[in-house]
PDB file of N, CA and C in Angstrom:
ATOM      1  N   MET A   1      -7.611  -8.916   6.878  1.00  0.00           N
ATOM      2  CA  MET A   1      -8.632  -9.454   6.762  1.00  0.00           C
ATOM      3  C   MET A   1      -9.453  -8.844   7.930  1.00  0.00           C
ATOM      4  N   LYS A   2      -9.374  -8.775   8.965  1.00  0.00           N
ATOM      5  CA  LYS A   2      -9.930  -7.966  10.216  1.00  0.00           C
ATOM      6  C   LYS A   2      -9.470  -6.388  10.178  1.00  0.00           C
ATOM      7  N   GLU A   3      -8.412  -5.759   9.762  1.00  0.00           N
ATOM      8  CA  GLU A   3      -8.085  -4.708   9.779  1.00  0.00           C
ATOM      9  C   GLU A   3      -9.074  -3.922   8.533  1.00  0.00           C
ATOM     10  N   LYS A   4      -9.134  -4.780   7.257  1.00  0.00           N
ATOM     11  CA  LYS A   4     -10.419  -3.862   6.626  1.00  0.00           C
ATOM     12  C   LYS A   4     -11.608  -3.703   6.709  1.00  0.00           C
ATOM     13  N   THR A   5     -12.327  -4.812   7.643  1.00  0.00           N
ATOM     14  CA  THR A   5     -13.829  -4.475   8.250  1.00  0.00           C
ATOM     15  C   THR A   5     -13.471  -3.730   9.374  1.00  0.00           C
ATOM     16  N   LYS A   6     -12.606  -3.416  10.023  1.00  0.00           N
ATOM     17  CA  LYS A   6     -12.591  -2.768  11.035  1.00  0.00           C
ATOM     18  C   LYS A   6     -12.735  -1.414  10.576  1.00  0.00           C
ATOM     19  N   LYS A   7     -11.913  -0.909   9.513  1.00  0.00           N
ATOM     20  CA  LYS A   7     -11.634  -0.324   9.027  1.00  0.00           C
ATOM     21  C   LYS A   7     -13.316   0.790   8.133  1.00  0.00           C
ATOM     22  N   GLN A   8     -13.698  -0.247   7.556  1.00  0.00           N
ATOM     23  CA  GLN A   8     -14.937   0.051   7.125  1.00  0.00           C
ATOM     24  C   GLN A   8     -16.178   0.391   7.799  1.00  0.00           C
ATOM     25  N   THR A   9     -16.036  -0.216   9.132  1.00  0.00           N
ATOM     26  CA  THR A   9     -16.972   0.119  10.098  1.00  0.00           C
ATOM     27  C   THR A   9     -16.936   2.251  10.753  1.00  0.00           C
ATOM     28  N   GLU A  10     -15.792   1.932  10.686  1.00  0.00           N
ATOM     29  CA  GLU A  10     -14.948   2.853  10.982  1.00  0.00           C
ATOM     30  C   GLU A  10     -15.848   4.505  10.291  1.00  0.00           C
ATOM     31  N   GLY A  11     -16.022   3.882   9.289  1.00  0.00           N
ATOM     32  CA  GLY A  11     -16.287   4.867   7.724  1.00  0.00           C
ATOM     33  C   GLY A  11     -17.539   5.135   7.743  1.00  0.00           C
ATOM     34  N   LYS A  12     -17.936   4.265   8.299  1.00  0.00           N
ATOM     35  CA  LYS A  12     -20.040   4.372   8.406  1.00  0.00           C
ATOM     36  C   LYS A  12     -20.551   4.881   9.641  1.00  0.00           C
ATOM     37  N   VAL A  13     -19.641   4.417  10.740  1.00  0.00           N
ATOM     38  CA  VAL A  13     -19.885   5.619  12.027  1.00  0.00           C
ATOM     39  C   VAL A  13     -19.798   7.096  12.159  1.00  0.00           C
ATOM     40  N   GLU A  14     -18.704   7.561  11.381  1.00  0.00           N
ATOM     41  CA  GLU A  14     -18.007   8.768  10.881  1.00  0.00           C
ATOM     42  C   GLU A  14     -19.773   9.843   9.953  1.00  0.00           C
ATOM     43  N   ASN A  15     -20.200   9.045   9.534  1.00  0.00           N
ATOM     44  CA  ASN A  15     -21.509   9.336   8.690  1.00  0.00           C
ATOM     45  C   ASN A  15     -22.536   9.385   8.728  1.00  0.00           C
ATOM     46  N   LEU A  16     -22.818   8.508  10.254  1.00  0.00           N
ATOM     47  CA  LEU A  16     -23.673   8.107  10.978  1.00  0.00           C
ATOM     48  C   LEU A  16     -24.342   9.335  11.832  1.00  0.00           C
ATOM     49  N   VAL A  17     -23.974  10.311  12.365  1.00  0.00           N
ATOM     50  CA  VAL A  17     -23.377  11.181  13.548  1.00  0.00           C
ATOM     51  C   VAL A  17     -24.515  12.839  12.835  1.00  0.00           C
ATOM     52  N   GLY A  18     -25.625  12.525  13.615  1.00  0.00           N
ATOM     53  CA  GLY A  18     -26.619  14.279  13.109  1.00  0.00           C
ATOM     54  C   GLY A  18     -27.340  13.740  11.698  1.00  0.00           C
ATOM     55  N   THR A  19     -26.975  12.678  11.276  1.00  0.00           N
ATOM     56  CA  THR A  19     -28.250  12.172   9.954  1.00  0.00           C
ATOM     57  C   THR A  19     -29.659  11.883  10.416  1.00  0.00           C
ATOM     58  N   GLU A  20     -30.151  11.812   9.274  1.00  0.00           N
ATOM     59  CA  GLU A  20     -31.545  10.948   9.814  1.00  0.00           C
ATOM     60  C   GLU A  20     -31.887  10.279   8.369  1.00  0.00           C
ATOM     61  N   CYS A  21     -31.888   8.884   7.874  1.00  0.00           N
ATOM     62  CA  CYS A  21     -31.831   8.540   6.311  1.00  0.00           C
ATOM     63  C   CYS A  21     -32.818   7.583   6.231  1.00  0.00           C
ATOM     64  N   ASN A  22     -34.107   7.607   5.911  1.00  0.00           N
ATOM     65  CA  ASN A  22     -35.109   6.382   5.620  1.00  0.00           C
ATOM     66  C   ASN A  22     -34.915   5.815   4.301  1.00  0.00           C
ATOM     67  N   ASP A  23     -33.504   6.073   3.595  1.00  0.00           N
ATOM     68  CA  ASP A  23     -33.425   5.744   2.090  1.00  0.00           C
ATOM     69  C   ASP A  23     -32.792   4.289   2.145  1.00  0.00           C
ATOM     70  N   ARG A  24     -33.844   3.278   1.164  1.00  0.00           N
ATOM     71  CA  ARG A  24     -33.338   1.754   0.913  1.00  0.00           C
ATOM     72  C   ARG A  24     -32.092   1.762   0.189  1.00  0.00           C
ATOM     73  N   ASN A  25     -31.494   2.169  -0.653  1.00  0.00           N
ATOM     74  CA  ASN A  25     -30.852   2.418  -1.344  1.00  0.00           C
ATOM     75  C   ASN A  25     -29.285   3.331  -0.596  1.00  0.00           C
ATOM     76  N   CYS A  26     -29.550   3.065   0.492  1.00  0.00           N
ATOM     77  CA  CYS A  26     -28.119   3.991   0.951  1.00  0.00           C
ATOM     78  C   CYS A  26     -27.228   2.993   1.768  1.00  0.00           C
ATOM     79  N   HIS A  27     -25.894   3.041   1.501  1.00  0.00           N
ATOM     80  CA  HIS A  27     -24.842   1.821   1.360  1.00  0.00           C
ATOM     81  C   HIS A  27     -24.806   1.365   3.373  1.00  0.00           C
ATOM     82  N   ILE A  28     -25.174   3.142   3.669  1.00  0.00           N
ATOM     83  CA  ILE A  28     -25.148   2.900   5.309  1.00  0.00           C
ATOM     84  C   ILE A  28     -26.063   2.549   6.225  1.00  0.00           C
ATOM     85  N   HIS A  29     -27.002   3.108   6.146  1.00  0.00           N
ATOM     86  CA  HIS A  29     -28.554   3.091   6.613  1.00  0.00           C
ATOM     87  C   HIS A  29     -29.873   1.932   5.771  1.00  0.00           C
ATOM     88  N   GLY A  30     -29.463   1.797   4.620  1.00  0.00           N
ATOM     89  CA  GLY A  30     -30.589   0.735   3.819  1.00  0.00           C
ATOM     90  C   GLY A  30     -29.445  -0.266   3.862  1.00  0.00           C
ATOM     91  N   ASN A  31     -30.169  -0.897   2.184  1.00  0.00           N
ATOM     92  CA  ASN A  31     -29.532  -2.872   2.317  1.00  0.00           C
ATOM     93  C   ASN A  31     -28.665  -2.745   1.075  1.00  0.00           C
ATOM     94  N   LEU A  32     -28.523  -1.339   0.516  1.00  0.00           N
ATOM     95  CA  LEU A  32     -27.289  -1.500  -0.791  1.00  0.00           C
ATOM     96  C   LEU A  32     -26.045  -1.946  -0.413  1.00  0.00           C
ATOM     97  N   LYS A  33     -25.555  -3.256  -0.851  1.00  0.00           N
ATOM     98  CA  LYS A  33     -24.242  -3.587  -1.481  1.00  0.00           C
ATOM     99  C   LYS A  33     -23.298  -2.852  -2.273  1.00  0.00           C
ATOM    100  N   VAL A  34     -22.043  -2.596  -1.634  1.00  0.00           N
ATOM    101  CA  VAL A  34     -21.345  -1.836  -2.675  1.00  0.00           C
ATOM    102  C   VAL A  34     -19.709  -2.832  -2.882  1.00  0.00           C
ATOM    103  N   ARG A  35     -19.867  -2.853  -4.101  1.00  0.00           N
ATOM    104  CA  ARG A  35     -18.798  -4.079  -4.582  1.00  0.00           C
ATOM    105  C   ARG A  35     -17.946  -3.609  -5.987  1.00  0.00           C
ATOM    106  N   GLY A  36     -16.991  -4.187  -6.127  1.00  0.00           N
ATOM    107  CA  GLY A  36     -16.376  -3.259  -7.272  1.00  0.00           C
ATOM    108  C   GLY A  36     -15.640  -2.131  -7.729  1.00  0.00           C
ATOM    109  N   ARG A  37     -15.738  -1.596  -8.961  1.00  0.00           N
ATOM    110  CA  ARG A  37     -14.671  -0.385  -8.900  1.00  0.00           C
ATOM    111  C   ARG A  37     -15.033   1.030  -8.430  1.00  0.00           C
ATOM    112  N   THR A  38     -13.925   1.387  -7.783  1.00  0.00           N
ATOM    113  CA  THR A  38     -14.148   2.339  -7.299  1.00  0.00           C
ATOM    114  C   THR A  38     -13.411   3.878  -7.717  1.00  0.00           C
ATOM    115  N   PHE A  39     -14.135   4.980  -8.117  1.00  0.00           N
ATOM    116  CA  PHE A  39     -13.261   5.857  -8.522  1.00  0.00           C
ATOM    117  C   PHE A  39     -13.794   7.366  -7.190  1.00  0.00           C
ATOM    118  N   GLU A  40     -13.077   7.989  -8.159  1.00  0.00           N
ATOM    119  CA  GLU A  40     -13.016   9.672  -7.198  1.00  0.00           C
ATOM    120  C   GLU A  40     -13.044  11.089  -8.346  1.00  0.00           C
ATOM    121  N   GLY A  41     -13.829  11.582  -8.394  1.00  0.00           N
ATOM    122  CA  GLY A  41     -14.095  12.864  -9.251  1.00  0.00           C
ATOM    123  C   GLY A  41     -14.758  13.863  -8.725  1.00  0.00           C
ATOM    124  N   LYS A  42     -15.123  15.149  -9.536  1.00  0.00           N
ATOM    125  CA  LYS A  42     -15.875  16.450  -8.856  1.00  0.00           C
ATOM    126  C   LYS A  42     -16.791  16.085  -9.498  1.00  0.00           C
ATOM    127  N   VAL A  43     -18.059  16.641  -8.845  1.00  0.00           N
ATOM    128  CA  VAL A  43     -19.373  16.804  -8.686  1.00  0.00           C
ATOM    129  C   VAL A  43     -19.501  17.583  -9.613  1.00  0.00           C
ATOM    130  N   ILE A  44     -20.382  17.859 -11.106  1.00  0.00           N
ATOM    131  CA  ILE A  44     -20.547  18.666 -12.202  1.00  0.00           C
ATOM    132  C   ILE A  44     -21.831  18.802 -11.919  1.00  0.00           C
ATOM    133  N   ARG A  45     -22.860  17.983 -11.176  1.00  0.00           N
ATOM    134  CA  ARG A  45     -23.989  18.097 -11.528  1.00  0.00           C
ATOM    135  C   ARG A  45     -24.798  17.371 -10.308  1.00  0.00           C
ATOM    136  N   LYS A  46     -25.868  18.454  -9.912  1.00  0.00           N
ATOM    137  CA  LYS A  46     -26.189  17.823  -8.577  1.00  0.00           C
ATOM    138  C   LYS A  46     -28.082  17.767  -9.024  1.00  0.00           C
ATOM    139  N   PHE A  47     -28.443  16.798  -8.845  1.00  0.00           N
ATOM    140  CA  PHE A  47     -30.456  16.425  -8.836  1.00  0.00           C
ATOM    141  C   PHE A  47     -30.335  15.983  -7.720  1.00  0.00           C
ATOM    142  N   HIS A  48     -32.077  15.640  -8.147  1.00  0.00           N
ATOM    143  CA  HIS A  48     -32.679  15.111  -6.909  1.00  0.00           C
ATOM    144  C   HIS A  48     -32.149  13.140  -6.547  1.00  0.00           C
ATOM    145  N   LYS A  49     -31.184  12.890  -5.547  1.00  0.00           N
ATOM    146  CA  LYS A  49     -30.697  11.301  -4.981  1.00  0.00           C
ATOM    147  C   LYS A  49     -30.083  11.138  -6.189  1.00  0.00           C
ATOM    148  N   ARG A  50     -28.890  12.005  -7.358  1.00  0.00           N
ATOM    149  CA  ARG A  50     -28.487  11.226  -7.944  1.00  0.00           C
ATOM    150  C   ARG A  50     -27.451  12.192  -8.127  1.00  0.00           C
ATOM    151  N   ILE A  51     -26.484  12.437  -8.431  1.00  0.00           N
ATOM    152  CA  ILE A  51     -25.021  13.851  -8.935  1.00  0.00           C
ATOM    153  C   ILE A  51     -24.316  12.811 -10.383  1.00  0.00           C
ATOM    154  N   THR A  52     -23.513  13.627 -10.576  1.00  0.00           N
ATOM    155  CA  THR A  52     -22.867  13.564 -12.165  1.00  0.00           C
ATOM    156  C   THR A  52     -21.292  13.721 -11.758  1.00  0.00           C
ATOM    157  N   ILE A  53     -20.858  13.043 -11.439  1.00  0.00           N
ATOM    158  CA  ILE A  53     -18.903  13.024 -11.380  1.00  0.00           C
ATOM    159  C   ILE A  53     -18.528  13.717 -12.933  1.00  0.00           C
ATOM    160  N   GLU A  54     -17.278  14.194 -12.854  1.00  0.00           N
ATOM    161  CA  GLU A  54     -16.312  13.595 -13.959  1.00  0.00           C
ATOM    162  C   GLU A  54     -14.614  13.185 -13.597  1.00  0.00           C
ATOM    163  N   PHE A  55     -13.964  13.116 -13.873  1.00  0.00           N
ATOM    164  CA  PHE A  55     -12.739  12.503 -13.991  1.00  0.00           C
ATOM    165  C   PHE A  55     -11.519  12.124 -14.861  1.00  0.00           C
ATOM    166  N   GLU A  56     -10.400  12.309 -15.010  1.00  0.00           N
ATOM    167  CA  GLU A  56     -10.039  12.183 -16.258  1.00  0.00           C
ATOM    168  C   GLU A  56      -8.495  10.992 -15.781  1.00  0.00           C
ATOM    169  N   ARG A  57      -8.645  11.015 -17.396  1.00  0.00           N
ATOM    170  CA  ARG A  57      -7.739   9.548 -17.439  1.00  0.00           C
ATOM    171  C   ARG A  57      -6.878   9.497 -18.326  1.00  0.00           C
ATOM    172  N   MET A  58      -5.747   8.682 -18.539  1.00  0.00           N
ATOM    173  CA  MET A  58      -5.329   8.641 -19.488  1.00  0.00           C
ATOM    174  C   MET A  58      -5.788   7.487 -20.567  1.00  0.00           C
ATOM    175  N   ILE A  59      -5.703   7.389 -21.550  1.00  0.00           N
ATOM    176  CA  ILE A  59      -5.304   6.226 -22.798  1.00  0.00           C
ATOM    177  C   ILE A  59      -4.328   6.591 -23.731  1.00  0.00           C
ATOM    178  N   TYR A  60      -4.034   4.891 -23.701  1.00  0.00           N
ATOM    179  CA  TYR A  60      -2.978   4.703 -24.359  1.00  0.00           C
ATOM    180  C   TYR A  60      -3.641   4.407 -26.116  1.00  0.00           C
ATOM    181  N   ILE A  61      -2.977   5.295 -27.081  1.00  0.00           N
ATOM    182  CA  ILE A  61      -3.044   5.733 -28.509  1.00  0.00           C
ATOM    183  C   ILE A  61      -2.348   4.464 -28.963  1.00  0.00           C
ATOM    184  N   ARG A  62      -2.603   3.632 -29.199  1.00  0.00           N
ATOM    185  CA  ARG A  62      -1.697   1.927 -30.352  1.00  0.00           C
ATOM    186  C   ARG A  62      -0.830   3.307 -31.480  1.00  0.00           C
ATOM    187  N   LYS A  63      -1.711   3.829 -32.267  1.00  0.00           N
ATOM    188  CA  LYS A  63      -1.475   3.957 -33.249  1.00  0.00           C
ATOM    189  C   LYS A  63       0.050   4.859 -33.442  1.00  0.00           C
ATOM    190  N   TYR A  64      -0.480   5.886 -32.322  1.00  0.00           N
ATOM    191  CA  TYR A  64       0.996   6.785 -32.146  1.00  0.00           C
ATOM    192  C   TYR A  64       2.122   6.499 -30.752  1.00  0.00           C
ATOM    193  N   GLU A  65       1.610   5.387 -30.606  1.00  0.00           N
ATOM    194  CA  GLU A  65       2.588   5.380 -29.169  1.00  0.00           C
ATOM    195  C   GLU A  65       2.410   6.215 -28.333  1.00  0.00           C
ATOM    196  N   ARG A  66       1.257   7.071 -28.145  1.00  0.00           N
ATOM    197  CA  ARG A  66       1.308   8.079 -26.683  1.00  0.00           C
ATOM    198  C   ARG A  66       0.266   7.878 -25.876  1.00  0.00           C
ATOM    199  N   TYR A  67       0.166   8.802 -25.073  1.00  0.00           N
ATOM    200  CA  TYR A  67      -1.402   8.674 -24.268  1.00  0.00           C
ATOM    201  C   TYR A  67      -1.963   9.921 -24.302  1.00  0.00           C
ATOM    202  N   ALA A  68      -3.489   9.880 -23.818  1.00  0.00           N
ATOM    203  CA  ALA A  68      -3.923  10.976 -24.612  1.00  0.00           C
ATOM    204  C   ALA A  68      -4.838  11.231 -23.428  1.00  0.00           C
ATOM    205  N   LYS A  69      -5.185  12.344 -23.193  1.00  0.00           N
ATOM    206  CA  LYS A  69      -6.052  12.652 -21.709  1.00  0.00           C
ATOM    207  C   LYS A  69      -7.843  12.025 -22.443  1.00  0.00           C
ATOM    208  N   SER A  70      -8.795  11.904 -21.267  1.00  0.00           N
ATOM    209  CA  SER A  70      -9.828  11.314 -21.465  1.00  0.00           C
ATOM    210  C   SER A  70     -10.902  11.625 -20.590  1.00  0.00           C
ATOM    211  N   ARG A  71     -11.962  12.263 -20.639  1.00  0.00           N
ATOM    212  CA  ARG A  71     -12.980  12.373 -19.303  1.00  0.00           C
ATOM    213  C   ARG A  71     -13.886  11.627 -19.678  1.00  0.00           C
ATOM    214  N   THR A  72     -14.395  11.283 -18.057  1.00  0.00           N
ATOM    215  CA  THR A  72     -15.194   9.858 -18.189  1.00  0.00           C
ATOM    216  C   THR A  72     -16.529  10.976 -17.114  1.00  0.00           C
ATOM    217  N   LYS A  73     -17.648  10.813 -17.925  1.00  0.00           N
ATOM    218  CA  LYS A  73     -18.630  10.854 -16.976  1.00  0.00           C
ATOM    219  C   LYS A  73     -19.632  10.074 -16.174  1.00  0.00           C
ATOM    220  N   ILE A  74     -19.852  10.180 -14.852  1.00  0.00           N
ATOM    221  CA  ILE A  74     -21.054   8.652 -14.140  1.00  0.00           C
ATOM    222  C   ILE A  74     -21.445   9.319 -13.584  1.00  0.00           C
ATOM    223  N   HIS A  75     -23.082   8.724 -13.609  1.00  0.00           N
ATOM    224  CA  HIS A  75     -23.541   9.363 -12.959  1.00  0.00           C
ATOM    225  C   HIS A  75     -23.322   8.404 -11.234  1.00  0.00           C
ATOM    226  N   ALA A  76     -23.563   9.046  -9.828  1.00  0.00           N
ATOM    227  CA  ALA A  76     -24.128   7.903  -9.256  1.00  0.00           C
ATOM    228  C   ALA A  76     -25.039   8.557  -8.067  1.00  0.00           C
ATOM    229  N   ARG A  77     -25.911   7.462  -7.379  1.00  0.00           N
ATOM    230  CA  ARG A  77     -26.996   7.857  -6.432  1.00  0.00           C
ATOM    231  C   ARG A  77     -26.493   8.558  -4.764  1.00  0.00           C
ATOM    232  N   LEU A  78     -27.311   9.586  -4.853  1.00  0.00           N
ATOM    233  CA  LEU A  78     -26.624  10.152  -3.720  1.00  0.00           C
ATOM    234  C   LEU A  78     -27.977   9.875  -2.266  1.00  0.00           C
ATOM    235  N   PRO A  79     -27.049   9.886  -1.601  1.00  0.00           N
ATOM    236  CA  PRO A  79     -28.075   9.521  -0.698  1.00  0.00           C
ATOM    237  C   PRO A  79     -29.062  10.248   0.285  1.00  0.00           C
ATOM    238  N   ASP A  80     -29.733   9.834   1.355  1.00  0.00           N
ATOM    239  CA  ASP A  80     -30.608  11.852   1.524  1.00  0.00           C
ATOM    240  C   ASP A  80     -29.671  11.581   2.987  1.00  0.00           C
ATOM    241  N   CYS A  81     -28.966  10.880   3.157  1.00  0.00           N
ATOM    242  CA  CYS A  81     -27.956  11.462   4.686  1.00  0.00           C
ATOM    243  C   CYS A  81     -27.024  12.127   4.024  1.00  0.00           C
ATOM    244  N   MET A  82     -26.503  11.755   2.742  1.00  0.00           N
ATOM    245  CA  MET A  82     -25.317  12.924   2.219  1.00  0.00           C
ATOM    246  C   MET A  82     -25.457  13.973   1.621  1.00  0.00           C
ATOM    247  N   GLU A  83     -27.087  14.326   1.602  1.00  0.00           N
ATOM    248  CA  GLU A  83     -27.613  15.702  -0.052  1.00  0.00           C
ATOM    249  C   GLU A  83     -27.028  17.099   0.460  1.00  0.00           C
ATOM    250  N   LYS A  84     -27.150  17.001   1.576  1.00  0.00           N
ATOM    251  CA  LYS A  84     -26.764  18.850   2.181  1.00  0.00           C
ATOM    252  C   LYS A  84     -25.039  18.865   2.292  1.00  0.00           C
ATOM    253  N   GLN A  85     -24.503  17.829   2.717  1.00  0.00           N
ATOM    254  CA  GLN A  85     -23.237  17.846   2.777  1.00  0.00           C
ATOM    255  C   GLN A  85     -22.657  17.981   1.396  1.00  0.00           C
ATOM    256  N   ILE A  86     -22.744  17.895   0.091  1.00  0.00           N
ATOM    257  CA  ILE A  86     -22.305  17.622  -1.424  1.00  0.00           C
ATOM    258  C   ILE A  86     -22.861  18.561  -2.008  1.00  0.00           C
ATOM    259  N   ASN A  87     -21.685  19.046  -2.911  1.00  0.00           N
ATOM    260  CA  ASN A  87     -22.012  20.105  -3.489  1.00  0.00           C
ATOM    261  C   ASN A  87     -21.470  20.232  -5.013  1.00  0.00           C
ATOM    262  N   ILE A  88     -21.707  21.186  -5.735  1.00  0.00           N
ATOM    263  CA  ILE A  88     -21.249  20.721  -7.138  1.00  0.00           C
ATOM    264  C   ILE A  88     -19.595  21.615  -6.931  1.00  0.00           C
ATOM    265  N   GLY A  89     -18.529  20.888  -7.554  1.00  0.00           N
ATOM    266  CA  GLY A  89     -17.387  21.350  -7.083  1.00  0.00           C
ATOM    267  C   GLY A  89     -16.604  20.237  -6.306  1.00  0.00           C
ATOM    268  N   ASP A  90     -17.689  20.002  -5.488  1.00  0.00           N
ATOM    269  CA  ASP A  90     -17.014  18.775  -4.237  1.00  0.00           C
ATOM    270  C   ASP A  90     -16.030  17.511  -5.291  1.00  0.00           C
ATOM    271  N   SER A  91     -14.887  17.159  -4.400  1.00  0.00           N
ATOM    272  CA  SER A  91     -15.120  15.761  -4.494  1.00  0.00           C
ATOM    273  C   SER A  91     -15.198  14.708  -3.939  1.00  0.00           C
ATOM    274  N   VAL A  92     -15.740  13.510  -4.403  1.00  0.00           N
ATOM    275  CA  VAL A  92     -16.481  12.654  -3.710  1.00  0.00           C
ATOM    276  C   VAL A  92     -15.715  11.319  -4.296  1.00  0.00           C
ATOM    277  N   LYS A  93     -15.989  10.264  -3.415  1.00  0.00           N
ATOM    278  CA  LYS A  93     -15.667   8.567  -3.308  1.00  0.00           C
ATOM    279  C   LYS A  93     -17.036   8.176  -3.932  1.00  0.00           C
ATOM    280  N   ILE A  94     -16.880   7.818  -5.143  1.00  0.00           N
ATOM    281  CA  ILE A  94     -17.472   6.206  -5.568  1.00  0.00           C
ATOM    282  C   ILE A  94     -17.874   4.670  -5.567  1.00  0.00           C
ATOM    283  N   GLN A  95     -18.530   4.137  -5.529  1.00  0.00           N
ATOM    284  CA  GLN A  95     -18.229   2.728  -6.144  1.00  0.00           C
ATOM    285  C   GLN A  95     -18.855   2.368  -5.968  1.00  0.00           C
ATOM    286  N   GLU A  96     -19.300   1.414  -6.509  1.00  0.00           N
ATOM    287  CA  GLU A  96     -20.344   0.280  -7.898  1.00  0.00           C
ATOM    288  C   GLU A  96     -21.089  -0.546  -7.093  1.00  0.00           C
ATOM    289  N   CYS A  97     -22.167  -0.657  -7.621  1.00  0.00           N
ATOM    290  CA  CYS A  97     -23.631  -1.065  -6.526  1.00  0.00           C
ATOM    291  C   CYS A  97     -23.979  -1.814  -7.779  1.00  0.00           C
ATOM    292  N   ARG A  98     -25.049  -2.908  -7.204  1.00  0.00           N
ATOM    293  CA  ARG A  98     -25.888  -3.269  -8.458  1.00  0.00           C
ATOM    294  C   ARG A  98     -26.776  -1.740  -9.286  1.00  0.00           C
ATOM    295  N   PRO A  99     -27.315  -2.479 -10.711  1.00  0.00           N
ATOM    296  CA  PRO A  99     -27.799  -1.181 -10.970  1.00  0.00           C
ATOM    297  C   PRO A  99     -29.591  -0.369 -10.398  1.00  0.00           C
ATOM    298  N   LEU A 100     -29.066   0.296 -10.617  1.00  0.00           N
ATOM    299  CA  LEU A 100     -30.408   1.107  -9.510  1.00  0.00           C
ATOM    300  C   LEU A 100     -31.299   1.755 -10.590  1.00  0.00           C
ATOM    301  N   SER A 101     -30.630   1.783 -11.704  1.00  0.00           N
ATOM    302  CA  SER A 101     -32.100   2.904 -13.120  1.00  0.00           C
ATOM    303  C   SER A 101     -31.095   2.663 -14.167  1.00  0.00           C
ATOM    304  N   LYS A 102     -31.344   2.924 -15.112  1.00  0.00           N
ATOM    305  CA  LYS A 102     -31.061   2.399 -16.393  1.00  0.00           C
ATOM    306  C   LYS A 102     -29.454   2.954 -16.298  1.00  0.00           C
ATOM    307  N   ILE A 103     -28.894   4.169 -15.883  1.00  0.00           N
ATOM    308  CA  ILE A 103     -27.827   4.586 -15.911  1.00  0.00           C
ATOM    309  C   ILE A 103     -27.510   4.887 -14.567  1.00  0.00           C
ATOM    310  N   ILE A 104     -27.864   4.955 -13.802  1.00  0.00           N
ATOM    311  CA  ILE A 104     -27.229   4.970 -12.230  1.00  0.00           C
ATOM    312  C   ILE A 104     -26.696   3.313 -12.075  1.00  0.00           C
ATOM    313  N   HIS A 105     -25.087   3.582 -11.846  1.00  0.00           N
ATOM    314  CA  HIS A 105     -24.767   1.816 -11.198  1.00  0.00           C
ATOM    315  C   HIS A 105     -23.677   1.487 -10.621  1.00  0.00           C
ATOM    316  N   PHE A 106     -23.560   3.438  -9.699  1.00  0.00           N
ATOM    317  CA  PHE A 106     -22.488   3.699  -8.804  1.00  0.00           C
ATOM    318  C   PHE A 106     -23.069   4.431  -7.793  1.00  0.00           C
ATOM    319  N   VAL A 107     -22.567   4.345  -6.128  1.00  0.00           N
ATOM    320  CA  VAL A 107     -23.128   5.283  -4.876  1.00  0.00           C
ATOM    321  C   VAL A 107     -22.238   5.807  -4.630  1.00  0.00           C
ATOM    322  N   VAL A 108     -22.638   7.252  -4.106  1.00  0.00           N
ATOM    323  CA  VAL A 108     -21.380   7.918  -3.367  1.00  0.00           C
ATOM    324  C   VAL A 108     -21.233   7.478  -1.902  1.00  0.00           C
ATOM    325  N   ILE A 109     -19.694   7.636  -1.744  1.00  0.00           N
ATOM    326  CA  ILE A 109     -19.174   6.604  -0.704  1.00  0.00           C
ATOM    327  C   ILE A 109     -19.357   7.525   0.510  1.00  0.00           C
ATOM    328  N   ASN A 110     -18.046   8.798   0.013  1.00  0.00           N
ATOM    329  CA  ASN A 110     -17.884   9.564   1.277  1.00  0.00           C
ATOM    330  C   ASN A 110     -17.401  10.706   0.326  1.00  0.00           C
ATOM    331  N   LYS A 111     -17.407  11.928   1.259  1.00  0.00           N
ATOM    332  CA  LYS A 111     -16.383  13.762   0.315  1.00  0.00           C
ATOM    333  C   LYS A 111     -15.365  13.315   0.746  1.00  0.00           C
ATOM    334  N   ILE A 112     -14.788  13.531  -0.632  1.00  0.00           N
ATOM    335  CA  ILE A 112     -12.514  13.839  -0.120  1.00  0.00           C
ATOM    336  C   ILE A 112     -12.539  15.488   0.074  1.00  0.00           C
ATOM    337  N   GLY A 113     -13.227  16.085  -0.751  1.00  0.00           N
ATOM    338  CA  GLY A 113     -12.857  17.642  -0.327  1.00  0.00           C
ATOM    339  C   GLY A 113     -13.955  18.163  -0.805  1.00  0.00           C
ATOM    340  N   GLU A 114     -13.514  19.731  -0.031  1.00  0.00           N
ATOM    341  CA  GLU A 114     -14.645  21.064  -0.406  1.00  0.00           C
ATOM    342  C   GLU A 114     -14.435  21.947  -2.136  1.00  0.00           C
ATOM    343  N   LYS A 115     -14.710  22.111  -2.301  1.00  0.00           N
ATOM    344  CA  LYS A 115     -14.736  22.963  -4.158  1.00  0.00           C
ATOM    345  C   LYS A 115     -13.501  24.155  -3.470  1.00  0.00           C
ATOM    346  N   LYS A 116     -12.940  24.208  -5.092  1.00  0.00           N
ATOM    347  CA  LYS A 116     -11.609  24.868  -4.894  1.00  0.00           C
ATOM    348  C   LYS A 116     -12.136  26.071  -5.236  1.00  0.00           C
ATOM    349  N   GLU A 117     -11.523  27.680  -4.524  1.00  0.00           N
ATOM    350  CA  GLU A 117     -11.762  28.840  -5.663  1.00  0.00           C
ATOM    351  C   GLU A 117     -10.617  28.976  -6.083  1.00  0.00           C
TER     352      GLU A 117
END
């Protein structure tokens, strides 16, 4: 149990360096608590304080006894401290939080990789 807590705080310290954030809906600097499901995906759209990510998953079709690829799009909150780091095409990790609006139920945790050209 102590190892998990230690890892979480180390990740938060990395994001704190050189950024200023007054966002109350930030999981690092604000009061937003994260829990539940975690996904990794590619950023396909970027808005002010919000991104849309897309990832593929396999769905089992019982009638044909086969799997089919399916794409899922999820809207996630983009905290002020990460807004300059994340661009379209980057890989990000998101985690579930309380509903922030009608369509936003996830928040960006960290950036995994750069855009591949």
